[in-house]
């Protein structure tokens, strides 16, 4: 899927750990890991909103579309 998830980039910019983000947005670290690795098939708008609020960013800062990346690979 050509959707790239850049949560790790934003975590680094905000100097926040994955565990801290998971706690702030109310999901398990395992579910956050699924989102971060691009293995999730869907994300709820409420989760996306919580991530954006916690990281003080826009959805486009963490989700990116790249047509040139073949399905099944993570950029």
PDB file of N, CA and C in Angstrom:
ATOM      1  N   UNK A   1       0.841  -1.178   0.000  1.00  0.00           N
ATOM      2  CA  UNK A   1       0.000   0.000   0.000  1.00  0.00           C
ATOM      3  C   UNK A   1       0.890   1.246   0.000  1.00  0.00           C
ATOM      4  N   UNK A   2       0.613   2.190  -0.833  1.00  0.00           N
ATOM      5  CA  UNK A   2       1.486   3.358  -0.942  1.00  0.00           C
ATOM      6  C   UNK A   2       1.231   4.441   0.106  1.00  0.00           C
ATOM      7  N   UNK A   3       0.609   4.095   1.235  1.00  0.00           N
ATOM      8  CA  UNK A   3       0.444   5.045   2.327  1.00  0.00           C
ATOM      9  C   UNK A   3       1.582   4.811   3.316  1.00  0.00           C
ATOM     10  N   UNK A   4       2.358   5.841   3.562  1.00  0.00           N
ATOM     11  CA  UNK A   4       3.499   5.764   4.466  1.00  0.00           C
ATOM     12  C   UNK A   4       3.111   6.436   5.781  1.00  0.00           C
ATOM     13  N   UNK A   5       3.404   5.774   6.887  1.00  0.00           N
ATOM     14  CA  UNK A   5       3.094   6.306   8.214  1.00  0.00           C
ATOM     15  C   UNK A   5       4.388   6.837   8.829  1.00  0.00           C
ATOM     16  N   UNK A   6       4.390   8.126   9.135  1.00  0.00           N
ATOM     17  CA  UNK A   6       5.587   8.791   9.651  1.00  0.00           C
ATOM     18  C   UNK A   6       5.460   9.149  11.135  1.00  0.00           C
ATOM     19  N   UNK A   7       4.816   8.296  11.907  1.00  0.00           N
ATOM     20  CA  UNK A   7       4.673   8.586  13.339  1.00  0.00           C
ATOM     21  C   UNK A   7       6.047   8.640  14.010  1.00  0.00           C
ATOM     22  N   UNK A   8       6.956   7.746  13.643  1.00  0.00           N
ATOM     23  CA  UNK A   8       8.298   7.753  14.241  1.00  0.00           C
ATOM     24  C   UNK A   8       9.017   9.074  14.011  1.00  0.00           C
ATOM     25  N   UNK A   9       8.835   9.651  12.833  1.00  0.00           N
ATOM     26  CA  UNK A   9       9.463  10.938  12.517  1.00  0.00           C
ATOM     27  C   UNK A   9       8.954  12.013  13.471  1.00  0.00           C
ATOM     28  N   UNK A  10       7.624  12.040  13.646  1.00  0.00           N
ATOM     29  CA  UNK A  10       7.042  13.049  14.530  1.00  0.00           C
ATOM     30  C   UNK A  10       7.407  12.790  15.988  1.00  0.00           C
ATOM     31  N   UNK A  11       7.486  11.528  16.386  1.00  0.00           N
ATOM     32  CA  UNK A  11       7.912  11.212  17.755  1.00  0.00           C
ATOM     33  C   UNK A  11       9.323  11.741  18.002  1.00  0.00           C
ATOM     34  N   UNK A  12      10.212  11.547  17.045  1.00  0.00           N
ATOM     35  CA  UNK A  12      11.586  12.037  17.187  1.00  0.00           C
ATOM     36  C   UNK A  12      11.615  13.562  17.262  1.00  0.00           C
ATOM     37  N   UNK A  13      10.833  14.209  16.416  1.00  0.00           N
ATOM     38  CA  UNK A  13      10.793  15.678  16.430  1.00  0.00           C
ATOM     39  C   UNK A  13      10.269  16.225  17.751  1.00  0.00           C
ATOM     40  N   UNK A  14       9.347  15.500  18.361  1.00  0.00           N
ATOM     41  CA  UNK A  14       8.741  15.953  19.622  1.00  0.00           C
ATOM     42  C   UNK A  14       9.458  15.382  20.842  1.00  0.00           C
ATOM     43  N   UNK A  15      10.510  14.583  20.583  1.00  0.00           N
ATOM     44  CA  UNK A  15      11.274  13.940  21.662  1.00  0.00           C
ATOM     45  C   UNK A  15      10.337  13.187  22.623  1.00  0.00           C
ATOM     46  N   UNK A  16       9.474  12.372  22.022  1.00  0.00           N
ATOM     47  CA  UNK A  16       8.486  11.605  22.780  1.00  0.00           C
ATOM     48  C   UNK A  16       8.680  10.129  22.465  1.00  0.00           C
ATOM     49  N   UNK A  17       8.483   9.293  23.469  1.00  0.00           N
ATOM     50  CA  UNK A  17       8.599   7.848  23.249  1.00  0.00           C
ATOM     51  C   UNK A  17       7.268   7.283  22.749  1.00  0.00           C
ATOM     52  N   UNK A  18       7.340   6.117  22.141  1.00  0.00           N
ATOM     53  CA  UNK A  18       6.124   5.435  21.688  1.00  0.00           C
ATOM     54  C   UNK A  18       5.207   5.133  22.862  1.00  0.00           C
ATOM     55  N   UNK A  19       5.792   4.706  23.967  1.00  0.00           N
ATOM     56  CA  UNK A  19       4.997   4.390  25.148  1.00  0.00           C
ATOM     57  C   UNK A  19       4.259   5.606  25.679  1.00  0.00           C
ATOM     58  N   UNK A  20       4.939   6.740  25.673  1.00  0.00           N
ATOM     59  CA  UNK A  20       4.310   7.983  26.134  1.00  0.00           C
ATOM     60  C   UNK A  20       3.149   8.372  25.219  1.00  0.00           C
ATOM     61  N   UNK A  21       3.352   8.251  23.907  1.00  0.00           N
ATOM     62  CA  UNK A  21       2.282   8.577  22.962  1.00  0.00           C
ATOM     63  C   UNK A  21       1.101   7.625  23.148  1.00  0.00           C
ATOM     64  N   UNK A  22       1.381   6.337  23.270  1.00  0.00           N
ATOM     65  CA  UNK A  22       0.308   5.354  23.454  1.00  0.00           C
ATOM     66  C   UNK A  22      -0.524   5.694  24.684  1.00  0.00           C
ATOM     67  N   UNK A  23       0.157   6.060  25.771  1.00  0.00           N
ATOM     68  CA  UNK A  23      -0.549   6.413  27.002  1.00  0.00           C
ATOM     69  C   UNK A  23      -1.395   7.677  26.807  1.00  0.00           C
ATOM     70  N   UNK A  24      -0.829   8.683  26.142  1.00  0.00           N
ATOM     71  CA  UNK A  24      -1.548   9.948  25.929  1.00  0.00           C
ATOM     72  C   UNK A  24      -2.796   9.771  25.075  1.00  0.00           C
ATOM     73  N   UNK A  25      -2.738   8.864  24.095  1.00  0.00           N
ATOM     74  CA  UNK A  25      -3.878   8.733  23.181  1.00  0.00           C
ATOM     75  C   UNK A  25      -4.799   7.578  23.560  1.00  0.00           C
ATOM     76  N   UNK A  26      -4.426   6.815  24.580  1.00  0.00           N
ATOM     77  CA  UNK A  26      -5.300   5.777  25.087  1.00  0.00           C
ATOM     78  C   UNK A  26      -5.379   4.510  24.255  1.00  0.00           C
ATOM     79  N   UNK A  27      -4.248   4.118  23.653  1.00  0.00           N
ATOM     80  CA  UNK A  27      -4.197   2.826  22.955  1.00  0.00           C
ATOM     81  C   UNK A  27      -3.008   2.037  23.500  1.00  0.00           C
ATOM     82  N   UNK A  28      -3.007   0.757  23.239  1.00  0.00           N
ATOM     83  CA  UNK A  28      -1.907  -0.072  23.735  1.00  0.00           C
ATOM     84  C   UNK A  28      -0.652   0.173  22.896  1.00  0.00           C
ATOM     85  N   UNK A  29       0.511  -0.022  23.502  1.00  0.00           N
ATOM     86  CA  UNK A  29       1.747   0.091  22.722  1.00  0.00           C
ATOM     87  C   UNK A  29       1.757  -0.858  21.515  1.00  0.00           C
ATOM     88  N   UNK A  30       1.140  -2.035  21.669  1.00  0.00           N
ATOM     89  CA  UNK A  30       1.084  -2.995  20.551  1.00  0.00           C
ATOM     90  C   UNK A  30       0.274  -2.421  19.389  1.00  0.00           C
ATOM     91  N   UNK A  31      -0.863  -1.794  19.687  1.00  0.00           N
ATOM     92  CA  UNK A  31      -1.671  -1.200  18.619  1.00  0.00           C
ATOM     93  C   UNK A  31      -0.969  -0.008  17.987  1.00  0.00           C
ATOM     94  N   UNK A  32      -0.240   0.768  18.786  1.00  0.00           N
ATOM     95  CA  UNK A  32       0.531   1.881  18.218  1.00  0.00           C
ATOM     96  C   UNK A  32       1.606   1.337  17.290  1.00  0.00           C
ATOM     97  N   UNK A  33       2.226   0.239  17.672  1.00  0.00           N
ATOM     98  CA  UNK A  33       3.249  -0.383  16.832  1.00  0.00           C
ATOM     99  C   UNK A  33       2.668  -0.815  15.486  1.00  0.00           C
ATOM    100  N   UNK A  34       1.466  -1.356  15.501  1.00  0.00           N
ATOM    101  CA  UNK A  34       0.804  -1.761  14.257  1.00  0.00           C
ATOM    102  C   UNK A  34       0.580  -0.548  13.361  1.00  0.00           C
ATOM    103  N   UNK A  35       0.180   0.566  13.964  1.00  0.00           N
ATOM    104  CA  UNK A  35       0.001   1.800  13.183  1.00  0.00           C
ATOM    105  C   UNK A  35       1.338   2.284  12.633  1.00  0.00           C
ATOM    106  N   UNK A  36       2.360   2.317  13.488  1.00  0.00           N
ATOM    107  CA  UNK A  36       3.667   2.846  13.094  1.00  0.00           C
ATOM    108  C   UNK A  36       4.305   2.057  11.959  1.00  0.00           C
ATOM    109  N   UNK A  37       4.100   0.750  11.946  1.00  0.00           N
ATOM    110  CA  UNK A  37       4.739  -0.085  10.930  1.00  0.00           C
ATOM    111  C   UNK A  37       3.941  -0.145   9.631  1.00  0.00           C
ATOM    112  N   UNK A  38       2.791   0.506   9.616  1.00  0.00           N
ATOM    113  CA  UNK A  38       1.977   0.508   8.404  1.00  0.00           C
ATOM    114  C   UNK A  38       1.192  -0.770   8.203  1.00  0.00           C
ATOM    115  N   UNK A  39       1.091  -1.608   9.227  1.00  0.00           N
ATOM    116  CA  UNK A  39       0.372  -2.879   9.111  1.00  0.00           C
ATOM    117  C   UNK A  39      -1.124  -2.732   9.361  1.00  0.00           C
ATOM    118  N   UNK A  40      -1.536  -1.584   9.878  1.00  0.00           N
ATOM    119  CA  UNK A  40      -2.962  -1.359  10.134  1.00  0.00           C
ATOM    120  C   UNK A  40      -3.697  -1.194   8.810  1.00  0.00           C
ATOM    121  N   UNK A  41      -4.875  -1.767   8.725  1.00  0.00           N
ATOM    122  CA  UNK A  41      -5.711  -1.631   7.530  1.00  0.00           C
ATOM    123  C   UNK A  41      -6.568  -0.385   7.582  1.00  0.00           C
ATOM    124  N   UNK A  42      -6.742   0.155   8.777  1.00  0.00           N
ATOM    125  CA  UNK A  42      -7.583   1.342   8.949  1.00  0.00           C
ATOM    126  C   UNK A  42      -7.145   2.064  10.216  1.00  0.00           C
ATOM    127  N   UNK A  43      -7.497   3.325  10.301  1.00  0.00           N
ATOM    128  CA  UNK A  43      -7.281   4.098  11.517  1.00  0.00           C
ATOM    129  C   UNK A  43      -8.529   4.939  11.748  1.00  0.00           C
ATOM    130  N   UNK A  44      -9.024   4.934  12.952  1.00  0.00           N
ATOM    131  CA  UNK A  44     -10.211   5.729  13.281  1.00  0.00           C
ATOM    132  C   UNK A  44      -9.831   7.205  13.291  1.00  0.00           C
ATOM    133  N   UNK A  45     -10.784   8.020  12.864  1.00  0.00           N
ATOM    134  CA  UNK A  45     -10.543   9.459  12.899  1.00  0.00           C
ATOM    135  C   UNK A  45     -10.283   9.928  14.323  1.00  0.00           C
ATOM    136  N   UNK A  46     -10.930   9.321  15.301  1.00  0.00           N
ATOM    137  CA  UNK A  46     -10.709   9.724  16.695  1.00  0.00           C
ATOM    138  C   UNK A  46      -9.265   9.423  17.119  1.00  0.00           C
ATOM    139  N   UNK A  47      -8.711   8.307  16.641  1.00  0.00           N
ATOM    140  CA  UNK A  47      -7.313   7.978  16.931  1.00  0.00           C
ATOM    141  C   UNK A  47      -6.378   8.930  16.221  1.00  0.00           C
ATOM    142  N   UNK A  48      -6.661   9.209  14.959  1.00  0.00           N
ATOM    143  CA  UNK A  48      -5.851  10.160  14.190  1.00  0.00           C
ATOM    144  C   UNK A  48      -5.880  11.531  14.854  1.00  0.00           C
ATOM    145  N   UNK A  49      -7.057  11.951  15.288  1.00  0.00           N
ATOM    146  CA  UNK A  49      -7.192  13.238  15.977  1.00  0.00           C
ATOM    147  C   UNK A  49      -6.356  13.261  17.262  1.00  0.00           C
ATOM    148  N   UNK A  50      -6.416  12.177  18.034  1.00  0.00           N
ATOM    149  CA  UNK A  50      -5.655  12.105  19.284  1.00  0.00           C
ATOM    150  C   UNK A  50      -4.151  12.137  19.027  1.00  0.00           C
ATOM    151  N   UNK A  51      -3.703  11.441  17.985  1.00  0.00           N
ATOM    152  CA  UNK A  51      -2.283  11.456  17.631  1.00  0.00           C
ATOM    153  C   UNK A  51      -1.855  12.871  17.253  1.00  0.00           C
ATOM    154  N   UNK A  52      -2.649  13.520  16.419  1.00  0.00           N
ATOM    155  CA  UNK A  52      -2.318  14.882  15.986  1.00  0.00           C
ATOM    156  C   UNK A  52      -2.296  15.850  17.162  1.00  0.00           C
ATOM    157  N   UNK A  53      -3.232  15.693  18.081  1.00  0.00           N
ATOM    158  CA  UNK A  53      -3.278  16.568  19.261  1.00  0.00           C
ATOM    159  C   UNK A  53      -2.049  16.333  20.135  1.00  0.00           C
ATOM    160  N   UNK A  54      -1.720  15.063  20.388  1.00  0.00           N
ATOM    161  CA  UNK A  54      -0.586  14.738  21.253  1.00  0.00           C
ATOM    162  C   UNK A  54       0.746  15.173  20.651  1.00  0.00           C
ATOM    163  N   UNK A  55       0.857  15.076  19.327  1.00  0.00           N
ATOM    164  CA  UNK A  55       2.117  15.421  18.656  1.00  0.00           C
ATOM    165  C   UNK A  55       2.117  16.844  18.093  1.00  0.00           C
ATOM    166  N   UNK A  56       1.006  17.563  18.306  1.00  0.00           N
ATOM    167  CA  UNK A  56       0.868  18.931  17.802  1.00  0.00           C
ATOM    168  C   UNK A  56       1.242  18.990  16.315  1.00  0.00           C
ATOM    169  N   UNK A  57       0.511  18.208  15.517  1.00  0.00           N
ATOM    170  CA  UNK A  57       0.797  18.136  14.093  1.00  0.00           C
ATOM    171  C   UNK A  57      -0.494  17.998  13.293  1.00  0.00           C
ATOM    172  N   UNK A  58      -0.366  17.960  12.006  1.00  0.00           N
ATOM    173  CA  UNK A  58      -1.481  17.773  11.088  1.00  0.00           C
ATOM    174  C   UNK A  58      -1.448  16.328  10.568  1.00  0.00           C
ATOM    175  N   UNK A  59      -2.602  15.801  10.110  1.00  0.00           N
ATOM    176  CA  UNK A  59      -2.609  14.432   9.569  1.00  0.00           C
ATOM    177  C   UNK A  59      -1.570  14.225   8.464  1.00  0.00           C
ATOM    178  N   UNK A  60      -1.350  15.225   7.650  1.00  0.00           N
ATOM    179  CA  UNK A  60      -0.366  15.115   6.578  1.00  0.00           C
ATOM    180  C   UNK A  60       1.070  15.011   7.069  1.00  0.00           C
ATOM    181  N   UNK A  61       1.301  15.351   8.339  1.00  0.00           N
ATOM    182  CA  UNK A  61       2.638  15.194   8.911  1.00  0.00           C
ATOM    183  C   UNK A  61       2.942  13.739   9.242  1.00  0.00           C
ATOM    184  N   UNK A  62       1.891  12.936   9.437  1.00  0.00           N
ATOM    185  CA  UNK A  62       2.123  11.538   9.814  1.00  0.00           C
ATOM    186  C   UNK A  62       1.676  10.538   8.760  1.00  0.00           C
ATOM    187  N   UNK A  63       0.859  10.969   7.809  1.00  0.00           N
ATOM    188  CA  UNK A  63       0.422  10.092   6.716  1.00  0.00           C
ATOM    189  C   UNK A  63       0.861  10.686   5.390  1.00  0.00           C
ATOM    190  N   UNK A  64       1.433   9.850   4.550  1.00  0.00           N
ATOM    191  CA  UNK A  64       1.967  10.308   3.270  1.00  0.00           C
ATOM    192  C   UNK A  64       1.582   9.311   2.178  1.00  0.00           C
ATOM    193  N   UNK A  65       1.229   9.818   1.023  1.00  0.00           N
ATOM    194  CA  UNK A  65       0.900   8.963  -0.119  1.00  0.00           C
ATOM    195  C   UNK A  65       2.063   8.999  -1.102  1.00  0.00           C
ATOM    196  N   UNK A  66       2.568   7.805  -1.455  1.00  0.00           N
ATOM    197  CA  UNK A  66       3.635   7.698  -2.465  1.00  0.00           C
ATOM    198  C   UNK A  66       3.240   6.627  -3.463  1.00  0.00           C
ATOM    199  N   UNK A  67       2.956   7.049  -4.662  1.00  0.00           N
ATOM    200  CA  UNK A  67       2.517   6.122  -5.703  1.00  0.00           C
ATOM    201  C   UNK A  67       3.618   5.154  -6.120  1.00  0.00           C
ATOM    202  N   UNK A  68       4.870   5.564  -5.983  1.00  0.00           N
ATOM    203  CA  UNK A  68       5.990   4.773  -6.493  1.00  0.00           C
ATOM    204  C   UNK A  68       6.391   3.601  -5.590  1.00  0.00           C
ATOM    205  N   UNK A  69       5.795   3.441  -4.415  1.00  0.00           N
ATOM    206  CA  UNK A  69       6.163   2.352  -3.515  1.00  0.00           C
ATOM    207  C   UNK A  69       5.239   1.164  -3.748  1.00  0.00           C
ATOM    208  N   UNK A  70       5.799  -0.009  -4.070  1.00  0.00           N
ATOM    209  CA  UNK A  70       4.967  -1.186  -4.320  1.00  0.00           C
ATOM    210  C   UNK A  70       4.255  -1.662  -3.050  1.00  0.00           C
ATOM    211  N   UNK A  71       3.133  -2.342  -3.217  1.00  0.00           N
ATOM    212  CA  UNK A  71       2.392  -2.895  -2.083  1.00  0.00           C
ATOM    213  C   UNK A  71       3.271  -3.833  -1.278  1.00  0.00           C
ATOM    214  N   UNK A  72       3.066  -3.828   0.034  1.00  0.00           N
ATOM    215  CA  UNK A  72       3.762  -4.762   0.899  1.00  0.00           C
ATOM    216  C   UNK A  72       5.105  -4.288   1.410  1.00  0.00           C
ATOM    217  N   UNK A  73       5.559  -3.115   0.989  1.00  0.00           N
ATOM    218  CA  UNK A  73       6.824  -2.620   1.486  1.00  0.00           C
ATOM    219  C   UNK A  73       6.580  -1.411   2.367  1.00  0.00           C
ATOM    220  N   UNK A  74       7.467  -1.201   3.282  1.00  0.00           N
ATOM    221  CA  UNK A  74       7.368  -0.044   4.174  1.00  0.00           C
ATOM    222  C   UNK A  74       8.508   0.899   3.820  1.00  0.00           C
ATOM    223  N   UNK A  75       8.142   2.163   3.594  1.00  0.00           N
ATOM    224  CA  UNK A  75       9.156   3.143   3.208  1.00  0.00           C
ATOM    225  C   UNK A  75       9.799   3.697   4.346  1.00  0.00           C
TER     226      UNK A  75
END
